C-alpha atoms as a PDB file:
ATOM      1  CA  MET A   1     164.391   5.411  61.972  1.00  0.00           C
ATOM      2  CA  THR A   2     161.049   5.375  63.755  1.00  0.00           C
ATOM      3  CA  LEU A   3     160.813   5.072  67.515  1.00  0.00           C
ATOM      4  CA  LEU A   4     159.001   1.751  67.120  1.00  0.00           C
ATOM      5  CA  THR A   5     162.017   0.431  65.189  1.00  0.00           C
ATOM      6  CA  LEU A   6     164.365   1.889  67.782  1.00  0.00           C
ATOM      7  CA  GLY A   7     162.287   0.162  70.467  1.00  0.00           C
ATOM      8  CA  LEU A   8     162.624  -3.146  68.633  1.00  0.00           C
ATOM      9  CA  LEU A   9     166.407  -2.742  68.437  1.00  0.00           C
ATOM     10  CA  LEU A  10     166.721  -1.659  72.055  1.00  0.00           C
ATOM     11  CA  GLY A  11     164.495  -4.544  73.048  1.00  0.00           C
ATOM     12  CA  LEU A  12     166.855  -6.996  71.375  1.00  0.00           C
ATOM     13  CA  VAL A  13     169.756  -5.587  73.368  1.00  0.00           C
ATOM     14  CA  THR A  14     168.028  -5.232  76.741  1.00  0.00           C
ATOM     15  CA  VAL A  15     165.514  -8.077  76.806  1.00  0.00           C
ATOM     16  CA  ALA A  16     167.715 -10.855  75.460  1.00  0.00           C
ATOM     17  CA  ALA A  17     170.572 -10.077  77.863  1.00  0.00           C
ATOM     18  CA  PRO A  18     171.259 -12.766  80.464  1.00  0.00           C
ATOM     19  CA  GLY A  19     169.634 -11.940  83.738  1.00  0.00           C
ATOM     20  CA  PRO A  20     167.547 -13.338  86.562  1.00  0.00           C
ATOM     21  CA  ILE A  21     164.326 -13.163  84.572  1.00  0.00           C
ATOM     22  CA  SER A  22     165.636 -15.258  81.669  1.00  0.00           C
ATOM     23  CA  VAL A  23     167.221 -17.707  84.107  1.00  0.00           C
ATOM     24  CA  ALA A  24     163.934 -18.061  86.000  1.00  0.00           C
ATOM     25  CA  ILE A  25     161.962 -18.633  82.772  1.00  0.00           C
ATOM     26  CA  VAL A  26     164.427 -21.337  81.721  1.00  0.00           C
ATOM     27  CA  GLN A  27     164.158 -22.993  85.136  1.00  0.00           C
ATOM     28  CA  VAL A  28     160.341 -22.927  85.023  1.00  0.00           C
ATOM     29  CA  GLY A  29     160.267 -24.216  81.441  1.00  0.00           C
ATOM     30  CA  THR A  30     162.790 -27.009  81.945  1.00  0.00           C
ATOM     31  CA  LYS A  31     161.032 -28.274  85.056  1.00  0.00           C
ATOM     32  CA  GLY A  32     157.391 -27.523  84.230  1.00  0.00           C
ATOM     33  CA  GLY A  33     157.293 -28.039  80.468  1.00  0.00           C
ATOM     34  CA  PRO A  34     156.565 -25.765  77.514  1.00  0.00           C
ATOM     35  CA  THR A  35     153.183 -24.536  78.761  1.00  0.00           C
ATOM     36  CA  ALA A  36     154.614 -23.487  82.119  1.00  0.00           C
ATOM     37  CA  GLY A  37     157.557 -21.853  80.339  1.00  0.00           C
ATOM     38  CA  VAL A  38     155.310 -19.832  78.034  1.00  0.00           C
ATOM     39  CA  LYS A  39     153.111 -18.798  80.965  1.00  0.00           C
ATOM     40  CA  ALA A  40     156.210 -17.661  82.853  1.00  0.00           C
ATOM     41  CA  GLY A  41     157.278 -15.649  79.792  1.00  0.00           C
ATOM     42  CA  MET A  42     153.848 -14.044  79.534  1.00  0.00           C
ATOM     43  CA  GLY A  43     154.066 -12.993  83.178  1.00  0.00           C
ATOM     44  CA  VAL A  44     157.280 -11.157  82.332  1.00  0.00           C
ATOM     45  CA  VAL A  45     155.623  -9.462  79.355  1.00  0.00           C
ATOM     46  CA  GLY A  46     152.768  -8.290  81.571  1.00  0.00           C
ATOM     47  CA  ALA A  47     155.264  -6.828  84.021  1.00  0.00           C
ATOM     48  CA  ASP A  48     157.126  -5.131  81.160  1.00  0.00           C
ATOM     49  CA  VAL A  49     153.885  -3.469  80.072  1.00  0.00           C
ATOM     50  CA  LEU A  50     153.178  -2.290  83.627  1.00  0.00           C
ATOM     51  CA  THR A  51     156.675  -1.013  84.410  1.00  0.00           C
ATOM     52  CA  GLY A  52     157.052   0.487  80.930  1.00  0.00           C
ATOM     53  CA  LEU A  53     153.853   2.490  81.397  1.00  0.00           C
ATOM     54  CA  ALA A  54     154.963   3.512  84.902  1.00  0.00           C
ATOM     55  CA  ALA A  55     158.293   4.748  83.517  1.00  0.00           C
ATOM     56  CA  ILE A  56     156.540   6.679  80.753  1.00  0.00           C
ATOM     57  CA  ALA A  57     154.209   8.278  83.302  1.00  0.00           C
ATOM     58  CA  LEU A  58     157.095   9.236  85.584  1.00  0.00           C
ATOM     59  CA  VAL A  59     159.212  10.716  82.792  1.00  0.00           C
ATOM     60  CA  THR A  60     156.360  12.413  80.911  1.00  0.00           C
ATOM     61  CA  THR A  61     154.951  14.089  84.021  1.00  0.00           C
ATOM     62  CA  GLY A  62     158.424  15.280  84.924  1.00  0.00           C
ATOM     63  CA  ALA A  63     158.622  13.427  88.209  1.00  0.00           C
ATOM     64  CA  ALA A  64     161.886  14.329  89.877  1.00  0.00           C
ATOM     65  CA  ILE A  65     164.026  11.220  90.127  1.00  0.00           C
ATOM     66  CA  GLY A  66     167.408  12.171  91.447  1.00  0.00           C
ATOM     67  CA  ALA A  67     170.716  10.568  90.649  1.00  0.00           C
ATOM     68  CA  SER A  68     170.963   9.285  94.215  1.00  0.00           C
ATOM     69  CA  THR A  69     167.664   7.404  93.787  1.00  0.00           C
ATOM     70  CA  PHE A  70     169.005   5.758  90.630  1.00  0.00           C
ATOM     71  CA  GLU A  71     172.206   4.838  92.445  1.00  0.00           C
ATOM     72  CA  VAL A  72     170.273   3.245  95.316  1.00  0.00           C
ATOM     73  CA  LEU A  73     168.089   1.297  92.875  1.00  0.00           C
ATOM     74  CA  ASP A  74     171.181   0.179  90.947  1.00  0.00           C
ATOM     75  CA  ARG A  75     172.840  -1.073  94.139  1.00  0.00           C
ATOM     76  CA  LEU A  76     169.633  -2.820  95.188  1.00  0.00           C
ATOM     77  CA  ALA A  77     169.355  -4.449  91.766  1.00  0.00           C
ATOM     78  CA  ALA A  78     172.987  -5.626  92.005  1.00  0.00           C
ATOM     79  CA  ALA A  79     172.323  -7.101  95.451  1.00  0.00           C
ATOM     80  CA  VAL A  80     169.217  -8.936  94.212  1.00  0.00           C
ATOM     81  CA  LEU A  81     171.163 -10.353  91.258  1.00  0.00           C
ATOM     82  CA  ALA A  82     174.071 -11.401  93.479  1.00  0.00           C
ATOM     83  CA  CYS A  83     171.755 -13.191  95.921  1.00  0.00           C
ATOM     84  CA  MET A  84     169.890 -14.980  93.142  1.00  0.00           C
ATOM     85  CA  GLY A  85     173.167 -15.939  91.480  1.00  0.00           C
ATOM     86  CA  ALA A  86     174.677 -17.234  94.703  1.00  0.00           C
ATOM     87  CA  ALA A  87     171.539 -19.266  95.423  1.00  0.00           C
ATOM     88  CA  LEU A  88     171.721 -20.829  91.957  1.00  0.00           C
ATOM     89  CA  VAL A  89     175.413 -21.664  92.357  1.00  0.00           C
ATOM     90  CA  LEU A  90     175.000 -23.114  95.852  1.00  0.00           C
ATOM     91  CA  ARG A  91     171.577 -24.779  95.585  1.00  0.00           C
ATOM     92  CA  PRO A  92     170.679 -25.317  91.925  1.00  0.00           C
ATOM     93  CA  ALA A  93     168.731 -28.531  92.501  1.00  0.00           C
ATOM     94  CA  GLU A  94     166.530 -26.966  95.185  1.00  0.00           C
ATOM     95  CA  LEU A  95     165.762 -23.877  93.108  1.00  0.00           C
ATOM     96  CA  GLY A  96     165.076 -26.030  90.057  1.00  0.00           C
ATOM     97  CA  ARG A  97     162.653 -28.111  92.102  1.00  0.00           C
ATOM     98  CA  LEU A  98     160.874 -24.975  93.322  1.00  0.00           C
ATOM     99  CA  ALA A  99     160.633 -23.642  89.757  1.00  0.00           C
ATOM    100  CA  GLY A 100     159.022 -26.886  88.647  1.00  0.00           C
ATOM    101  CA  GLU A 101     156.471 -26.745  91.443  1.00  0.00           C
ATOM    102  CA  LEU A 102     155.125 -23.293  90.613  1.00  0.00           C
ATOM    103  CA  LYS A 103     151.341 -23.529  90.346  1.00  0.00           C
ATOM    104  CA  ARG A 104     150.945 -20.138  88.673  1.00  0.00           C
ATOM    105  CA  PRO A 105     154.123 -19.341  86.741  1.00  0.00           C
ATOM    106  CA  ALA A 106     152.640 -16.263  85.031  1.00  0.00           C
ATOM    107  CA  ARG A 107     151.762 -14.649  88.370  1.00  0.00           C
ATOM    108  CA  ALA A 108     155.082 -15.614  89.924  1.00  0.00           C
ATOM    109  CA  MET A 109     157.104 -14.160  87.051  1.00  0.00           C
ATOM    110  CA  PHE A 110     154.905 -11.063  86.904  1.00  0.00           C
ATOM    111  CA  ALA A 111     155.659 -10.423  90.581  1.00  0.00           C
ATOM    112  CA  LEU A 112     159.376 -11.246  90.265  1.00  0.00           C
ATOM    113  CA  THR A 113     159.763  -8.899  87.309  1.00  0.00           C
ATOM    114  CA  SER A 114     157.554  -6.100  88.644  1.00  0.00           C
ATOM    115  CA  PHE A 115     159.330  -5.976  92.003  1.00  0.00           C
ATOM    116  CA  ASN A 116     162.838  -6.294  90.559  1.00  0.00           C
ATOM    117  CA  PRO A 117     164.285  -2.763  90.871  1.00  0.00           C
ATOM    118  CA  ALA A 118     166.387  -3.294  87.753  1.00  0.00           C
ATOM    119  CA  THR A 119     163.225  -3.504  85.644  1.00  0.00           C
ATOM    120  CA  LEU A 120     161.970  -0.009  86.460  1.00  0.00           C
ATOM    121  CA  VAL A 121     165.467   1.485  86.324  1.00  0.00           C
ATOM    122  CA  SER A 122     166.004  -0.009  82.861  1.00  0.00           C
ATOM    123  CA  TRP A 123     162.680   1.282  81.593  1.00  0.00           C
ATOM    124  CA  ILE A 124     163.281   4.788  82.923  1.00  0.00           C
ATOM    125  CA  ALA A 125     166.740   4.849  81.333  1.00  0.00           C
ATOM    126  CA  LEU A 126     165.283   3.793  77.958  1.00  0.00           C
ATOM    127  CA  ILE A 127     162.481   6.347  78.126  1.00  0.00           C
ATOM    128  CA  VAL A 128     164.746   9.211  79.227  1.00  0.00           C
ATOM    129  CA  ALA A 129     167.266   8.474  76.474  1.00  0.00           C
ATOM    130  CA  ALA A 130     164.628   8.307  73.714  1.00  0.00           C
ATOM    131  CA  PRO A 131     164.920  11.059  71.100  1.00  0.00           C
ATOM    132  CA  VAL A 132     161.367  12.410  71.384  1.00  0.00           C
ATOM    133  CA  SER A 133     159.749  15.409  69.806  1.00  0.00           C
ATOM    134  CA  PRO A 134     158.419  17.961  72.327  1.00  0.00           C
ATOM    135  CA  ASP A 135     155.138  18.054  70.383  1.00  0.00           C
ATOM    136  CA  SER A 136     154.576  14.296  70.544  1.00  0.00           C
ATOM    137  CA  ALA A 137     156.596  13.131  73.546  1.00  0.00           C
ATOM    138  CA  LEU A 138     153.931  10.806  74.936  1.00  0.00           C
ATOM    139  CA  THR A 139     153.164   9.053  71.627  1.00  0.00           C
ATOM    140  CA  ASP A 140     156.870   8.814  70.805  1.00  0.00           C
ATOM    141  CA  ARG A 141     157.586   7.181  74.165  1.00  0.00           C
ATOM    142  CA  LEU A 142     154.645   4.802  73.729  1.00  0.00           C
ATOM    143  CA  ALA A 143     155.945   3.787  70.277  1.00  0.00           C
ATOM    144  CA  LEU A 144     159.386   3.061  71.742  1.00  0.00           C
ATOM    145  CA  ALA A 145     157.833   1.033  74.559  1.00  0.00           C
ATOM    146  CA  CYS A 146     155.696  -0.938  72.084  1.00  0.00           C
ATOM    147  CA  GLY A 147     158.842  -2.003  70.250  1.00  0.00           C
ATOM    148  CA  VAL A 148     160.496  -3.183  73.450  1.00  0.00           C
ATOM    149  CA  VAL A 149     157.340  -5.032  74.581  1.00  0.00           C
ATOM    150  CA  LEU A 150     157.032  -6.786  71.210  1.00  0.00           C
ATOM    151  CA  VAL A 151     160.584  -8.103  71.573  1.00  0.00           C
ATOM    152  CA  SER A 152     159.825  -9.082  75.181  1.00  0.00           C
ATOM    153  CA  LEU A 153     156.798 -11.038  74.000  1.00  0.00           C
ATOM    154  CA  ALA A 154     158.693 -12.863  71.264  1.00  0.00           C
ATOM    155  CA  TRP A 155     161.804 -13.551  73.379  1.00  0.00           C
ATOM    156  CA  HIS A 156     160.257 -14.576  76.689  1.00  0.00           C
ATOM    157  CA  ALA A 157     157.505 -16.768  75.237  1.00  0.00           C
ATOM    158  CA  SER A 158     159.988 -18.470  72.871  1.00  0.00           C
ATOM    159  CA  LEU A 159     162.536 -18.928  75.646  1.00  0.00           C
ATOM    160  CA  GLY A 160     159.933 -20.575  77.879  1.00  0.00           C
ATOM    161  CA  ALA A 161     158.675 -22.861  75.112  1.00  0.00           C
ATOM    162  CA  LEU A 162     162.189 -23.875  74.029  1.00  0.00           C
ATOM    163  CA  ALA A 163     163.288 -24.515  77.607  1.00  0.00           C
ATOM    164  CA  GLY A 164     160.196 -26.647  78.110  1.00  0.00           C
ATOM    165  CA  ARG A 165     160.921 -28.693  75.002  1.00  0.00           C
ATOM    166  CA  LEU A 166     164.608 -29.223  75.723  1.00  0.00           C
ATOM    167  CA  GLY A 167     164.419 -29.425  79.500  1.00  0.00           C
ATOM    168  CA  ARG A 168     162.866 -32.845  79.647  1.00  0.00           C
ATOM    169  CA  ARG A 169     165.741 -34.218  77.579  1.00  0.00           C
ATOM    170  CA  LEU A 170     168.381 -32.995  80.024  1.00  0.00           C
ATOM    171  CA  SER A 171     169.720 -35.225  82.753  1.00  0.00           C
ATOM    172  CA  PRO A 172     169.447 -34.112  86.392  1.00  0.00           C
ATOM    173  CA  GLN A 173     173.194 -33.430  86.375  1.00  0.00           C
ATOM    174  CA  ALA A 174     172.799 -31.210  83.296  1.00  0.00           C
ATOM    175  CA  HIS A 175     170.055 -29.247  85.090  1.00  0.00           C
ATOM    176  CA  ILE A 176     172.392 -28.706  88.024  1.00  0.00           C
ATOM    177  CA  ARG A 177     175.256 -27.590  85.750  1.00  0.00           C
ATOM    178  CA  MET A 178     172.907 -25.241  83.902  1.00  0.00           C
ATOM    179  CA  GLY A 179     171.683 -23.772  87.193  1.00  0.00           C
ATOM    180  CA  ARG A 180     175.229 -23.234  88.452  1.00  0.00           C
ATOM    181  CA  ALA A 181     176.337 -21.669  85.155  1.00  0.00           C
ATOM    182  CA  SER A 182     173.309 -19.359  85.182  1.00  0.00           C
ATOM    183  CA  GLY A 183     174.072 -18.410  88.762  1.00  0.00           C
ATOM    184  CA  ALA A 184     177.669 -17.603  87.894  1.00  0.00           C
ATOM    185  CA  VAL A 185     176.475 -15.338  85.063  1.00  0.00           C
ATOM    186  CA  LEU A 186     174.161 -13.517  87.476  1.00  0.00           C
ATOM    187  CA  VAL A 187     176.946 -13.003  90.004  1.00  0.00           C
ATOM    188  CA  PHE A 188     179.176 -11.667  87.212  1.00  0.00           C
ATOM    189  CA  VAL A 189     176.438  -9.249  86.058  1.00  0.00           C
ATOM    190  CA  ALA A 190     175.890  -8.124  89.671  1.00  0.00           C
ATOM    191  CA  LEU A 191     179.596  -7.433  90.088  1.00  0.00           C
ATOM    192  CA  GLY A 192     179.568  -5.445  86.863  1.00  0.00           C
ATOM    193  CA  LEU A 193     176.617  -3.381  88.101  1.00  0.00           C
ATOM    194  CA  SER A 194     178.241  -2.678  91.448  1.00  0.00           C
ATOM    195  CA  ILE A 195     181.498  -1.548  89.801  1.00  0.00           C
ATOM    196  CA  TRP A 196     179.888   0.427  87.004  1.00  0.00           C
END
């Protein structure tokens, strides 16, 4: 199996998992329409490229990242997820309204994804775990990252477009239920991260 193929498979597992980024794209798409949803998805892809390259640079140059740093980032990521989940459960209508009012969804999602500590931690974990050859470590890691980014592109753009198409058909009560359900999933994921 090539590292590009491995990247595609890992991308399916990591990118399509429920999380704050997917929830935010759905909120933007359902409130702002398909174009806003796709733009939000493209912002995430841009952030994946940036954080993926940062992770490759850190790992390839041998930057010392201690276990305690990973633990702190994991706890921070869990706290961010818990706060976002709680906000969605408690105030889904308000957050949905804010998502629909985004003027630049690509920039907003780029920033949200880039500054989410879970993004960099996930990328570093993928890059460190990759079975690379010592003679071609950089190109092997880039191939793996390309696979993950391709899945990110397909998933996030499709998710935004689909949410935009279906979102206008949903009643306001359905939007609120969807927001609360998404928030509950985020809280559950945050609890899992804090225990694990």
